[in-house]
Amino acid sequence: MSDQDILSIEQAPSEKHVGDDKPVDHWITKDHHHIPITKSQGNQRRKCPPRKQAFFERLGGIFKQMGLEAQTNPAFIAALSAYESSWLGQHAQSLHNPFGLTAAGGNDLSFPSYEAAAKYWLHQAGREHKGFMSAVKGAKTIDKFAEALRKAGYNAVNSDWSSDVAKVYRTSIAPFLTGCGF
């Protein structure tokens, strides 16, 4: 590994700093805090890191279908999933749960497939068990998308949840969409 490949830890997404929306290679979760990891070289904006490539290859089609059905940007759904599943980490994979869905904030839900999790998210999840599709329908910005989910009952524990999801979109999804073929 060269010096250019050395990873550096930046500010956690819940901390607000001017100009901190740099492209992020991936996020790690430590003690319920999401920490961005970025390559020290700024030219990574156009390249798709392997972990992101695998994420989009596995779930990109599902996000696009969900975006069509919910009439919102599928990249917003990708940001939510990247945040909630730690880029489809092992735990999320074993449960087929790329959205961090739980039983009313309790145990994580398990699904037979990612498609089943997407269908549940769209049509059955949430406080009223009507799905999140109606909450995000027509959301034109990541901020409106994340706030609509928050109001519909997503993640009542983390007060910065909406802004954290928006930050993942701005730093880890949007800069890589073209390079990752999404």
C-alpha atoms as a PDB file:
ATOM      1  CA  MET A   1       0.000   0.000   0.000  1.00  0.00           C
ATOM      2  CA  SER A   2       1.347   3.425  -0.908  1.00  0.00           C
ATOM      3  CA  ASP A   3       1.173   6.576   1.173  1.00  0.00           C
ATOM      4  CA  GLN A   4      -1.653   7.717  -1.113  1.00  0.00           C
ATOM      5  CA  ASP A   5      -3.809   4.808   0.077  1.00  0.00           C
ATOM      6  CA  ILE A   6      -3.522   5.564   3.779  1.00  0.00           C
ATOM      7  CA  LEU A   7      -6.936   6.107   5.305  1.00  0.00           C
ATOM      8  CA  SER A   8      -7.655   8.987   7.615  1.00  0.00           C
ATOM      9  CA  ILE A   9     -10.582   9.472   9.987  1.00  0.00           C
ATOM     10  CA  GLU A  10     -12.443  12.771   9.620  1.00  0.00           C
ATOM     11  CA  GLN A  11     -15.107  14.443  11.745  1.00  0.00           C
ATOM     12  CA  ALA A  12     -18.129  12.339  12.704  1.00  0.00           C
ATOM     13  CA  PRO A  13     -21.192  13.294  10.615  1.00  0.00           C
ATOM     14  CA  SER A  14     -23.155  14.559  13.618  1.00  0.00           C
ATOM     15  CA  GLU A  15     -20.571  17.289  14.192  1.00  0.00           C
ATOM     16  CA  LYS A  16     -21.343  20.393  12.151  1.00  0.00           C
ATOM     17  CA  HIS A  17     -18.407  22.050  10.408  1.00  0.00           C
ATOM     18  CA  VAL A  18     -18.316  24.419   7.447  1.00  0.00           C
ATOM     19  CA  GLY A  19     -16.906  22.816   4.305  1.00  0.00           C
ATOM     20  CA  ASP A  20     -16.879  19.240   5.616  1.00  0.00           C
ATOM     21  CA  ASP A  21     -18.874  17.723   2.730  1.00  0.00           C
ATOM     22  CA  LYS A  22     -15.887  15.986   1.109  1.00  0.00           C
ATOM     23  CA  PRO A  23     -16.436  12.691  -0.736  1.00  0.00           C
ATOM     24  CA  VAL A  24     -16.256   9.809   1.742  1.00  0.00           C
ATOM     25  CA  ASP A  25     -15.120   6.328   0.737  1.00  0.00           C
ATOM     26  CA  HIS A  26     -17.190   4.592   3.403  1.00  0.00           C
ATOM     27  CA  TRP A  27     -18.488   4.933   6.939  1.00  0.00           C
ATOM     28  CA  ILE A  28     -17.741   2.793   9.961  1.00  0.00           C
ATOM     29  CA  THR A  29     -19.942   2.514  13.019  1.00  0.00           C
ATOM     30  CA  LYS A  30     -18.406   2.704  16.468  1.00  0.00           C
ATOM     31  CA  ASP A  31     -20.449   3.050  19.646  1.00  0.00           C
ATOM     32  CA  HIS A  32     -23.539   3.993  17.590  1.00  0.00           C
ATOM     33  CA  HIS A  33     -21.676   6.854  15.887  1.00  0.00           C
ATOM     34  CA  HIS A  34     -21.009   6.865  12.153  1.00  0.00           C
ATOM     35  CA  ILE A  35     -17.447   7.875  11.315  1.00  0.00           C
ATOM     36  CA  PRO A  36     -16.467   8.740   7.729  1.00  0.00           C
ATOM     37  CA  ILE A  37     -13.369   7.150   6.234  1.00  0.00           C
ATOM     38  CA  THR A  38     -11.861   8.861   3.221  1.00  0.00           C
ATOM     39  CA  LYS A  39      -8.765   8.312   1.135  1.00  0.00           C
ATOM     40  CA  SER A  40      -6.156  10.985   1.680  1.00  0.00           C
ATOM     41  CA  GLN A  41      -6.196  11.852  -2.027  1.00  0.00           C
ATOM     42  CA  GLY A  42      -9.039  14.042  -3.278  1.00  0.00           C
ATOM     43  CA  ASN A  43      -9.092  12.452  -6.752  1.00  0.00           C
ATOM     44  CA  GLN A  44     -11.267   9.561  -5.561  1.00  0.00           C
ATOM     45  CA  ARG A  45     -14.408  11.504  -6.548  1.00  0.00           C
ATOM     46  CA  ARG A  46     -14.662   9.838  -9.981  1.00  0.00           C
ATOM     47  CA  LYS A  47     -13.607   6.309  -9.049  1.00  0.00           C
ATOM     48  CA  CYS A  48     -15.944   3.850  -7.432  1.00  0.00           C
ATOM     49  CA  PRO A  49     -14.424   2.228  -4.337  1.00  0.00           C
ATOM     50  CA  PRO A  50     -14.920  -1.568  -4.274  1.00  0.00           C
ATOM     51  CA  ARG A  51     -17.272  -1.524  -1.277  1.00  0.00           C
ATOM     52  CA  LYS A  52     -19.534   1.030  -2.951  1.00  0.00           C
ATOM     53  CA  GLN A  53     -19.410  -0.893  -6.232  1.00  0.00           C
ATOM     54  CA  ALA A  54     -20.572  -4.080  -4.488  1.00  0.00           C
ATOM     55  CA  PHE A  55     -23.311  -2.125  -2.678  1.00  0.00           C
ATOM     56  CA  PHE A  56     -24.685  -0.601  -5.898  1.00  0.00           C
ATOM     57  CA  GLU A  57     -24.346  -3.846  -7.858  1.00  0.00           C
ATOM     58  CA  ARG A  58     -26.367  -5.739  -5.258  1.00  0.00           C
ATOM     59  CA  LEU A  59     -28.986  -3.108  -4.373  1.00  0.00           C
ATOM     60  CA  GLY A  60     -28.969  -0.473  -7.126  1.00  0.00           C
ATOM     61  CA  GLY A  61     -31.801  -2.047  -9.103  1.00  0.00           C
ATOM     62  CA  ILE A  62     -33.906  -2.344  -5.951  1.00  0.00           C
ATOM     63  CA  PHE A  63     -33.284   1.326  -5.074  1.00  0.00           C
ATOM     64  CA  LYS A  64     -34.251   2.404  -8.595  1.00  0.00           C
ATOM     65  CA  GLN A  65     -37.484   0.415  -8.471  1.00  0.00           C
ATOM     66  CA  MET A  66     -38.298   1.817  -5.022  1.00  0.00           C
ATOM     67  CA  GLY A  67     -37.579   5.352  -6.252  1.00  0.00           C
ATOM     68  CA  LEU A  68     -39.979   4.903  -9.158  1.00  0.00           C
ATOM     69  CA  GLU A  69     -42.696   3.541  -6.919  1.00  0.00           C
ATOM     70  CA  ALA A  70     -42.234   6.221  -4.239  1.00  0.00           C
ATOM     71  CA  GLN A  71     -41.694   8.995  -6.813  1.00  0.00           C
ATOM     72  CA  THR A  72     -38.443  10.095  -5.206  1.00  0.00           C
ATOM     73  CA  ASN A  73     -34.745   9.999  -6.026  1.00  0.00           C
ATOM     74  CA  PRO A  74     -33.423   6.424  -5.679  1.00  0.00           C
ATOM     75  CA  ALA A  75     -30.073   7.860  -4.559  1.00  0.00           C
ATOM     76  CA  PHE A  76     -31.852   9.133  -1.417  1.00  0.00           C
ATOM     77  CA  ILE A  77     -32.939   5.555  -0.693  1.00  0.00           C
ATOM     78  CA  ALA A  78     -29.363   4.407  -1.321  1.00  0.00           C
ATOM     79  CA  ALA A  79     -28.108   6.956   1.231  1.00  0.00           C
ATOM     80  CA  LEU A  80     -30.594   5.731   3.807  1.00  0.00           C
ATOM     81  CA  SER A  81     -29.522   2.147   3.195  1.00  0.00           C
ATOM     82  CA  ALA A  82     -25.795   2.954   3.261  1.00  0.00           C
ATOM     83  CA  TYR A  83     -26.268   4.708   6.597  1.00  0.00           C
ATOM     84  CA  GLU A  84     -28.550   2.136   8.207  1.00  0.00           C
ATOM     85  CA  SER A  85     -26.761  -0.989   6.955  1.00  0.00           C
ATOM     86  CA  SER A  86     -23.147   0.234   7.072  1.00  0.00           C
ATOM     87  CA  TRP A  87     -22.916  -0.222   3.300  1.00  0.00           C
ATOM     88  CA  LEU A  88     -24.636  -3.599   3.510  1.00  0.00           C
ATOM     89  CA  GLY A  89     -22.363  -4.889   6.222  1.00  0.00           C
ATOM     90  CA  GLN A  90     -22.370  -8.512   7.307  1.00  0.00           C
ATOM     91  CA  HIS A  91     -25.160  -8.086   9.871  1.00  0.00           C
ATOM     92  CA  ALA A  92     -27.472  -6.450   7.312  1.00  0.00           C
ATOM     93  CA  GLN A  93     -26.589  -9.122   4.758  1.00  0.00           C
ATOM     94  CA  SER A  94     -27.377 -11.981   7.115  1.00  0.00           C
ATOM     95  CA  LEU A  95     -30.815 -10.453   7.815  1.00  0.00           C
ATOM     96  CA  HIS A  96     -31.466  -9.241   4.241  1.00  0.00           C
ATOM     97  CA  ASN A  97     -32.241  -5.932   5.949  1.00  0.00           C
ATOM     98  CA  PRO A  98     -30.559  -3.035   4.120  1.00  0.00           C
ATOM     99  CA  PHE A  99     -32.750  -0.413   5.825  1.00  0.00           C
ATOM    100  CA  GLY A 100     -32.088  -1.043   9.528  1.00  0.00           C
ATOM    101  CA  LEU A 101     -35.711  -2.011  10.069  1.00  0.00           C
ATOM    102  CA  THR A 102     -36.632  -3.095  13.585  1.00  0.00           C
ATOM    103  CA  ALA A 103     -39.660  -4.281  15.508  1.00  0.00           C
ATOM    104  CA  ALA A 104     -40.743  -0.898  16.940  1.00  0.00           C
ATOM    105  CA  GLY A 105     -37.158   0.016  17.829  1.00  0.00           C
ATOM    106  CA  GLY A 106     -36.450  -3.436  19.258  1.00  0.00           C
ATOM    107  CA  ASN A 107     -34.867  -6.407  17.520  1.00  0.00           C
ATOM    108  CA  ASP A 108     -33.733  -6.102  13.924  1.00  0.00           C
ATOM    109  CA  LEU A 109     -36.139  -7.590  11.413  1.00  0.00           C
ATOM    110  CA  SER A 110     -35.089 -10.402   9.113  1.00  0.00           C
ATOM    111  CA  PHE A 111     -36.352 -10.902   5.553  1.00  0.00           C
ATOM    112  CA  PRO A 112     -36.109 -13.771   3.057  1.00  0.00           C
ATOM    113  CA  SER A 113     -34.647 -11.405   0.424  1.00  0.00           C
ATOM    114  CA  TYR A 114     -33.642  -7.792  -0.175  1.00  0.00           C
ATOM    115  CA  GLU A 115     -36.691  -7.450  -2.409  1.00  0.00           C
ATOM    116  CA  ALA A 116     -38.935  -8.518   0.498  1.00  0.00           C
ATOM    117  CA  ALA A 117     -37.277  -5.900   2.728  1.00  0.00           C
ATOM    118  CA  ALA A 118     -37.874  -3.239   0.066  1.00  0.00           C
ATOM    119  CA  LYS A 119     -41.536  -4.201  -0.268  1.00  0.00           C
ATOM    120  CA  TYR A 120     -41.956  -4.115   3.513  1.00  0.00           C
ATOM    121  CA  TRP A 121     -40.238  -0.702   3.707  1.00  0.00           C
ATOM    122  CA  LEU A 122     -42.502   0.704   1.007  1.00  0.00           C
ATOM    123  CA  HIS A 123     -45.842  -0.741   2.167  1.00  0.00           C
ATOM    124  CA  GLN A 124     -45.766  -2.008   5.779  1.00  0.00           C
ATOM    125  CA  ALA A 125     -43.040  -0.387   7.890  1.00  0.00           C
ATOM    126  CA  GLY A 126     -43.506   2.539  10.242  1.00  0.00           C
ATOM    127  CA  ARG A 127     -45.690   3.467  13.186  1.00  0.00           C
ATOM    128  CA  GLU A 128     -48.935   2.912  11.331  1.00  0.00           C
ATOM    129  CA  HIS A 129     -47.709  -0.115   9.340  1.00  0.00           C
ATOM    130  CA  LYS A 130     -48.529   1.642   6.065  1.00  0.00           C
ATOM    131  CA  GLY A 131     -44.962   1.809   4.814  1.00  0.00           C
ATOM    132  CA  PHE A 132     -42.659   4.742   4.223  1.00  0.00           C
ATOM    133  CA  MET A 133     -43.588   5.243   0.571  1.00  0.00           C
ATOM    134  CA  SER A 134     -46.315   7.752   1.351  1.00  0.00           C
ATOM    135  CA  ALA A 135     -44.013   9.664   3.710  1.00  0.00           C
ATOM    136  CA  VAL A 136     -41.298  10.236   1.083  1.00  0.00           C
ATOM    137  CA  LYS A 137     -43.512  10.416  -2.010  1.00  0.00           C
ATOM    138  CA  GLY A 138     -42.354  13.274  -4.177  1.00  0.00           C
ATOM    139  CA  ALA A 139     -39.430  14.316  -1.923  1.00  0.00           C
ATOM    140  CA  LYS A 140     -37.170  16.425  -4.140  1.00  0.00           C
ATOM    141  CA  THR A 141     -34.253  16.983  -1.750  1.00  0.00           C
ATOM    142  CA  ILE A 142     -32.370  14.694   0.589  1.00  0.00           C
ATOM    143  CA  ASP A 143     -33.247  16.966   3.504  1.00  0.00           C
ATOM    144  CA  LYS A 144     -36.989  16.682   2.823  1.00  0.00           C
ATOM    145  CA  PHE A 145     -36.649  12.914   2.288  1.00  0.00           C
ATOM    146  CA  ALA A 146     -34.787  12.323   5.571  1.00  0.00           C
ATOM    147  CA  GLU A 147     -37.013  14.662   7.570  1.00  0.00           C
ATOM    148  CA  ALA A 148     -40.155  12.979   6.204  1.00  0.00           C
ATOM    149  CA  LEU A 149     -38.809   9.611   7.336  1.00  0.00           C
ATOM    150  CA  ARG A 150     -37.940  11.028  10.743  1.00  0.00           C
ATOM    151  CA  LYS A 151     -41.478  12.371  11.176  1.00  0.00           C
ATOM    152  CA  ALA A 152     -42.852   8.990  10.078  1.00  0.00           C
ATOM    153  CA  GLY A 153     -40.977   7.278  12.916  1.00  0.00           C
ATOM    154  CA  TYR A 154     -37.550   6.377  11.575  1.00  0.00           C
ATOM    155  CA  ASN A 155     -34.860   6.254  14.277  1.00  0.00           C
ATOM    156  CA  ALA A 156     -36.275   7.959  17.345  1.00  0.00           C
ATOM    157  CA  VAL A 157     -32.989   7.457  19.255  1.00  0.00           C
ATOM    158  CA  ASN A 158     -30.512   9.643  17.324  1.00  0.00           C
ATOM    159  CA  SER A 159     -31.565  13.315  17.319  1.00  0.00           C
ATOM    160  CA  ASP A 160     -29.153  14.010  14.419  1.00  0.00           C
ATOM    161  CA  TRP A 161     -30.441  11.116  12.316  1.00  0.00           C
ATOM    162  CA  SER A 162     -31.961  13.225   9.503  1.00  0.00           C
ATOM    163  CA  SER A 163     -28.866  15.363   9.066  1.00  0.00           C
ATOM    164  CA  ASP A 164     -26.624  12.271   9.274  1.00  0.00           C
ATOM    165  CA  VAL A 165     -28.513  10.543   6.441  1.00  0.00           C
ATOM    166  CA  ALA A 166     -28.370  13.749   4.381  1.00  0.00           C
ATOM    167  CA  LYS A 167     -24.634  13.979   4.985  1.00  0.00           C
ATOM    168  CA  VAL A 168     -24.115  10.389   3.805  1.00  0.00           C
ATOM    169  CA  TYR A 169     -25.950  11.323   0.610  1.00  0.00           C
ATOM    170  CA  ARG A 170     -23.858  14.443   0.034  1.00  0.00           C
ATOM    171  CA  THR A 171     -20.476  12.920   0.885  1.00  0.00           C
ATOM    172  CA  SER A 172     -20.766   9.225   0.070  1.00  0.00           C
ATOM    173  CA  ILE A 173     -23.491   8.796  -2.536  1.00  0.00           C
ATOM    174  CA  ALA A 174     -23.826  11.878  -4.761  1.00  0.00           C
ATOM    175  CA  PRO A 175     -20.079  12.259  -5.564  1.00  0.00           C
ATOM    176  CA  PHE A 176     -19.852   8.605  -6.654  1.00  0.00           C
ATOM    177  CA  LEU A 177     -23.097   8.034  -8.582  1.00  0.00           C
ATOM    178  CA  THR A 178     -21.594   8.277 -12.054  1.00  0.00           C
ATOM    179  CA  GLY A 179     -18.375   6.476 -11.148  1.00  0.00           C
ATOM    180  CA  CYS A 180     -20.346   3.625  -9.586  1.00  0.00           C
ATOM    181  CA  GLY A 181     -22.688   3.307 -12.559  1.00  0.00           C
ATOM    182  CA  PHE A 182     -25.834   4.225 -10.644  1.00  0.00           C
END
